[in-house]
Amino acid sequence: MITRDRLIREFALLDEKAWLMGSEEIRVYLIGGGNLALRGIKPATADVDVIVEDYRSLKALDSILTDPSPELRTSGGIVVYLKVFGHEYEEKLGADSVYQKIDPETGNFNLDVFVKRVMRGIQLTEGIKSRSLVSEEFQELKRLRVYLVSLEDIFLFKGVTSPGRSKDVDDILRILEAGVDFNVILDEIKAQRRVIESERSGRLAAVFLEKMEGVREILRGRGLRSLGLDNFIDSLEELLSG
């Protein structure tokens, strides 16, 4: 599992390697469990998921990750990631590239990279980018600009994965406890509908509604209720029926 401290260190080493290579600045948007771990909302994550804006950024990041040149030795040694082909995230979530740093001492570091969109649908819109911020831990990096997408947008990403992914439901419950603005999420869903083909946006909205209803049942089973979630589900139903 990848802890907050491990995540910060690995990105610092990649930034150091990028600087040694004379790389251009690369923007990556941290989503998923890595984002929640960095915020202290969950203790650790199995994989770190990022989105880049285009294939040029992916190519530059790929070069940094996979170059084994000895002259690029960082303060943590030679940092090399292996590109994993045929990974389940490529098929299930539409990851463009999956990488793994093999580390017998501290555990492997798994990095999943998406270009522009996740789940072959949810796109990196201007709204998502404008709500993202560079956290204090990454402000000193020279070549990598690591942005944290908002909790509202992580909630959306987590909400459109397969209903069977229990770890995403657990993360949604954590985000609910931390607090989100459902109006922001609803506005982003509407923005996504404008940039995603209608058939796919309808399917994603249906998956999201099913996931939210499941979360509500979990809360009810615990004797809890979220009025905000209830109203949000009503809004989703109206959106789908309209």
Protein backbone atom coordinates (compact mmCIF):
# COMPACT_ATOMS: atom_id res chain seq x y z
CA MET A 1 0.00 0.00 0.00
CA ILE A 2 1.14 3.54 -0.78
CA THR A 3 1.07 5.97 2.13
CA ARG A 4 0.97 9.75 2.05
CA ASP A 5 4.70 10.05 2.83
CA ARG A 6 5.60 7.51 0.15
CA LEU A 7 3.52 9.34 -2.44
CA ILE A 8 5.19 12.67 -1.67
CA ARG A 9 8.67 11.11 -1.87
CA GLU A 10 8.05 9.32 -5.16
CA PHE A 11 6.78 12.46 -6.88
CA ALA A 12 9.78 14.38 -5.51
CA LEU A 13 12.16 11.78 -7.00
CA LEU A 14 10.37 11.88 -10.35
CA ASP A 15 10.60 15.66 -10.34
CA GLU A 16 14.33 15.45 -9.58
CA LYS A 17 14.78 13.04 -12.48
CA ALA A 18 12.73 15.30 -14.77
CA TRP A 19 14.97 18.22 -13.84
CA LEU A 20 18.11 16.17 -14.60
CA MET A 21 16.63 15.31 -18.00
CA GLY A 22 15.85 18.95 -18.75
CA SER A 23 12.20 18.03 -19.21
CA GLU A 24 9.48 20.51 -19.97
CA GLU A 25 6.92 21.24 -17.25
CA ILE A 26 4.30 18.49 -17.03
CA ARG A 27 0.93 18.95 -15.38
CA VAL A 28 -0.59 15.91 -13.73
CA TYR A 29 -3.92 15.86 -11.92
CA LEU A 30 -4.03 13.52 -8.93
CA ILE A 31 -7.33 11.69 -8.55
CA GLY A 32 -8.59 8.64 -6.67
CA GLY A 33 -7.11 7.10 -3.55
CA GLY A 34 -3.78 8.89 -3.92
CA ASN A 35 -5.55 12.23 -3.61
CA LEU A 36 -7.47 11.05 -0.55
CA ALA A 37 -4.30 9.66 1.04
CA LEU A 38 -2.47 12.94 0.51
CA ARG A 39 -5.36 14.78 2.16
CA GLY A 40 -5.28 12.37 5.11
CA ILE A 41 -8.81 11.13 4.35
CA LYS A 42 -7.59 7.54 3.97
CA PRO A 43 -4.39 5.97 5.34
CA ALA A 44 -3.03 4.52 2.09
CA THR A 45 -3.92 3.48 -1.45
CA ALA A 46 -3.04 0.52 -3.65
CA ASP A 47 -2.61 2.58 -6.83
CA VAL A 48 -1.94 6.19 -7.69
CA ASP A 49 -4.10 7.55 -10.51
CA VAL A 50 -3.31 10.70 -12.48
CA ILE A 51 -4.72 12.46 -15.52
CA VAL A 52 -2.60 14.38 -18.03
CA GLU A 53 -4.02 16.86 -20.51
CA ASP A 54 -2.79 15.38 -23.78
CA TYR A 55 -0.63 12.70 -25.40
CA ARG A 56 2.35 15.05 -25.57
CA SER A 57 2.30 15.17 -21.77
CA LEU A 58 1.96 11.39 -21.62
CA LYS A 59 4.98 10.97 -23.88
CA ALA A 60 7.07 13.32 -21.74
CA LEU A 61 5.97 11.57 -18.53
CA ASP A 62 6.63 8.15 -20.05
CA SER A 63 10.19 9.20 -20.86
CA ILE A 64 10.80 10.32 -17.28
CA LEU A 65 9.33 7.16 -15.79
CA THR A 66 11.07 4.59 -17.98
CA ASP A 67 14.52 6.05 -18.79
CA PRO A 68 17.16 3.87 -17.03
CA SER A 69 20.20 6.07 -17.83
CA PRO A 70 22.81 6.00 -15.02
CA GLU A 71 23.50 9.73 -15.40
CA LEU A 72 19.94 10.38 -14.22
CA ARG A 73 20.68 9.08 -10.73
CA THR A 74 18.58 10.95 -8.17
CA SER A 75 19.06 11.35 -4.43
CA GLY A 76 17.09 8.11 -4.14
CA GLY A 77 19.14 6.25 -6.74
CA ILE A 78 18.13 5.36 -10.29
CA VAL A 79 14.36 5.67 -10.52
CA VAL A 80 12.83 3.41 -13.18
CA TYR A 81 9.24 2.39 -13.75
CA LEU A 82 8.22 -0.56 -15.88
CA LYS A 83 5.35 -0.17 -18.30
CA VAL A 84 2.73 -2.84 -17.63
CA PHE A 85 0.82 -4.13 -20.64
CA GLY A 86 -2.59 -5.80 -20.45
CA HIS A 87 -3.34 -4.45 -16.97
CA GLU A 88 -6.98 -4.68 -15.84
CA TYR A 89 -7.13 -0.89 -15.47
CA GLU A 90 -6.56 -0.53 -19.21
CA GLU A 91 -9.63 -2.63 -19.94
CA LYS A 92 -11.93 -1.69 -17.06
CA LEU A 93 -11.12 1.97 -16.52
CA GLY A 94 -9.57 2.95 -19.82
CA ALA A 95 -6.12 3.83 -18.45
CA ASP A 96 -3.83 4.87 -21.28
CA SER A 97 -0.67 3.62 -19.57
CA VAL A 98 0.04 1.65 -16.39
CA TYR A 99 3.46 1.75 -14.71
CA GLN A 100 5.04 -0.01 -11.77
CA LYS A 101 8.18 0.71 -9.79
CA ILE A 102 9.48 -2.51 -8.29
CA ASP A 103 10.68 -1.92 -4.73
CA PRO A 104 11.22 -5.01 -2.51
CA GLU A 105 11.96 -2.88 0.55
CA THR A 106 9.05 -0.42 0.67
CA GLY A 107 6.64 -2.12 -1.71
CA ASN A 108 5.84 -1.51 -5.35
CA PHE A 109 4.57 1.86 -6.52
CA ASN A 110 1.73 1.52 -9.03
CA LEU A 111 0.96 4.51 -11.26
CA ASP A 112 -2.03 4.59 -13.64
CA VAL A 113 -2.06 7.40 -16.20
CA PHE A 114 -5.14 8.61 -18.05
CA VAL A 115 -5.13 11.08 -20.93
CA LYS A 116 -7.92 13.66 -20.79
CA ARG A 117 -10.61 11.21 -19.66
CA VAL A 118 -11.29 8.45 -17.13
CA MET A 119 -13.66 5.50 -17.47
CA ARG A 120 -13.61 6.18 -21.23
CA GLY A 121 -16.04 8.97 -20.48
CA ILE A 122 -15.50 11.49 -17.67
CA GLN A 123 -13.34 14.21 -19.17
CA LEU A 124 -10.86 16.62 -17.63
CA THR A 125 -12.97 19.72 -18.17
CA GLU A 126 -12.01 23.34 -17.53
CA GLY A 127 -14.21 23.20 -14.44
CA ILE A 128 -12.28 20.29 -12.97
CA LYS A 129 -8.97 22.00 -13.72
CA SER A 130 -10.10 25.30 -12.21
CA ARG A 131 -11.11 23.57 -8.96
CA SER A 132 -7.76 21.77 -8.71
CA LEU A 133 -4.86 23.10 -6.66
CA VAL A 134 -1.20 22.41 -6.10
CA SER A 135 -0.88 21.30 -2.50
CA GLU A 136 1.83 22.66 -0.20
CA GLU A 137 3.73 19.36 -0.41
CA PHE A 138 4.29 19.79 -4.17
CA GLN A 139 4.84 23.53 -4.50
CA GLU A 140 8.64 23.23 -4.52
CA LEU A 141 8.75 20.79 -7.44
CA LYS A 142 10.58 22.15 -10.49
CA ARG A 143 9.23 20.19 -13.45
CA LEU A 144 6.14 18.31 -12.27
CA ARG A 145 3.06 20.33 -11.45
CA VAL A 146 0.98 17.97 -9.34
CA TYR A 147 -2.60 19.22 -8.96
CA LEU A 148 -5.14 17.77 -6.55
CA VAL A 149 -8.60 17.64 -8.06
CA SER A 150 -11.39 18.68 -5.70
CA LEU A 151 -13.24 16.26 -3.45
CA GLU A 152 -16.37 16.94 -5.49
CA ASP A 153 -14.65 15.74 -8.64
CA ILE A 154 -13.17 12.67 -6.93
CA PHE A 155 -16.71 11.90 -5.76
CA LEU A 156 -17.81 12.01 -9.41
CA PHE A 157 -14.96 9.79 -10.61
CA LYS A 158 -15.66 7.28 -7.83
CA GLY A 159 -19.38 7.40 -8.53
CA VAL A 160 -19.19 6.14 -12.11
CA THR A 161 -17.03 3.07 -11.54
CA SER A 162 -18.59 -0.39 -11.46
CA PRO A 163 -21.05 -0.83 -8.54
CA GLY A 164 -19.07 -3.92 -7.57
CA ARG A 165 -15.92 -1.91 -6.70
CA SER A 166 -16.41 -1.86 -2.93
CA LYS A 167 -13.28 0.21 -2.29
CA ASP A 168 -14.81 3.06 -4.30
CA VAL A 169 -17.95 2.92 -2.15
CA ASP A 170 -15.74 3.08 0.95
CA ASP A 171 -13.99 6.15 -0.49
CA ILE A 172 -17.33 7.80 -1.31
CA LEU A 173 -18.38 7.32 2.32
CA ARG A 174 -15.10 8.89 3.46
CA ILE A 175 -15.67 11.87 1.15
CA LEU A 176 -19.23 12.28 2.43
CA GLU A 177 -17.88 12.41 5.96
CA ALA A 178 -15.31 15.03 4.94
CA GLY A 179 -18.04 17.08 3.26
CA VAL A 180 -18.82 17.96 -0.36
CA ASP A 181 -20.89 20.50 -2.25
CA PHE A 182 -23.48 18.50 -4.18
CA ASN A 183 -24.34 21.53 -6.33
CA VAL A 184 -20.77 21.53 -7.69
CA ILE A 185 -21.04 17.82 -8.50
CA LEU A 186 -24.38 18.31 -10.25
CA ASP A 187 -23.02 21.22 -12.28
CA GLU A 188 -20.04 19.10 -13.36
CA ILE A 189 -22.36 16.26 -14.41
CA LYS A 190 -24.19 18.75 -16.63
CA ALA A 191 -20.86 19.97 -18.01
CA GLN A 192 -19.87 16.37 -18.77
CA ARG A 193 -23.10 15.84 -20.67
CA ARG A 194 -22.10 18.67 -22.99
CA VAL A 195 -18.74 17.10 -23.88
CA ILE A 196 -19.54 13.36 -23.82
CA GLU A 197 -21.64 11.61 -26.43
CA SER A 198 -25.24 11.37 -25.19
CA GLU A 199 -25.48 7.57 -25.04
CA ARG A 200 -22.37 7.22 -22.89
CA SER A 201 -23.26 10.16 -20.63
CA GLY A 202 -26.66 8.57 -20.04
CA ARG A 203 -25.05 5.25 -19.06
CA LEU A 204 -22.59 6.95 -16.73
CA ALA A 205 -25.38 8.93 -15.07
CA ALA A 206 -27.37 5.71 -14.58
CA VAL A 207 -24.34 4.02 -12.98
CA PHE A 208 -23.83 7.06 -10.76
CA LEU A 209 -27.48 6.97 -9.64
CA GLU A 210 -27.24 3.26 -8.83
CA LYS A 211 -24.06 3.86 -6.84
CA MET A 212 -25.65 6.72 -4.88
CA GLU A 213 -28.72 4.63 -4.05
CA GLY A 214 -26.40 1.90 -2.78
CA VAL A 215 -24.54 4.39 -0.60
CA ARG A 216 -27.85 5.65 0.81
CA GLU A 217 -28.82 2.09 1.75
CA ILE A 218 -25.48 1.62 3.52
CA LEU A 219 -26.10 4.78 5.53
CA ARG A 220 -29.62 3.65 6.40
CA GLY A 221 -28.21 0.32 7.59
CA ARG A 222 -26.01 2.29 9.97
CA GLY A 223 -28.93 4.37 11.20
CA LEU A 224 -27.65 7.45 9.34
CA ARG A 225 -29.14 9.81 6.79
CA SER A 226 -27.71 12.52 4.53
CA LEU A 227 -30.32 15.04 3.44
CA GLY A 228 -27.84 16.41 0.92
CA LEU A 229 -27.41 12.96 -0.62
CA ASP A 230 -31.21 12.46 -0.72
CA ASN A 231 -31.67 15.73 -2.59
CA PHE A 232 -28.77 14.89 -4.90
CA ILE A 233 -30.34 11.54 -5.80
CA ASP A 234 -33.62 13.33 -6.57
CA SER A 235 -31.73 15.72 -8.86
CA LEU A 236 -30.02 12.81 -10.63
CA GLU A 237 -33.37 11.14 -11.23
CA GLU A 238 -34.76 14.36 -12.70
CA LEU A 239 -31.71 14.71 -14.91
CA LEU A 240 -32.07 11.17 -16.23
CA SER A 241 -35.81 11.48 -16.82
CA GLY A 242 -35.36 14.80 -18.60
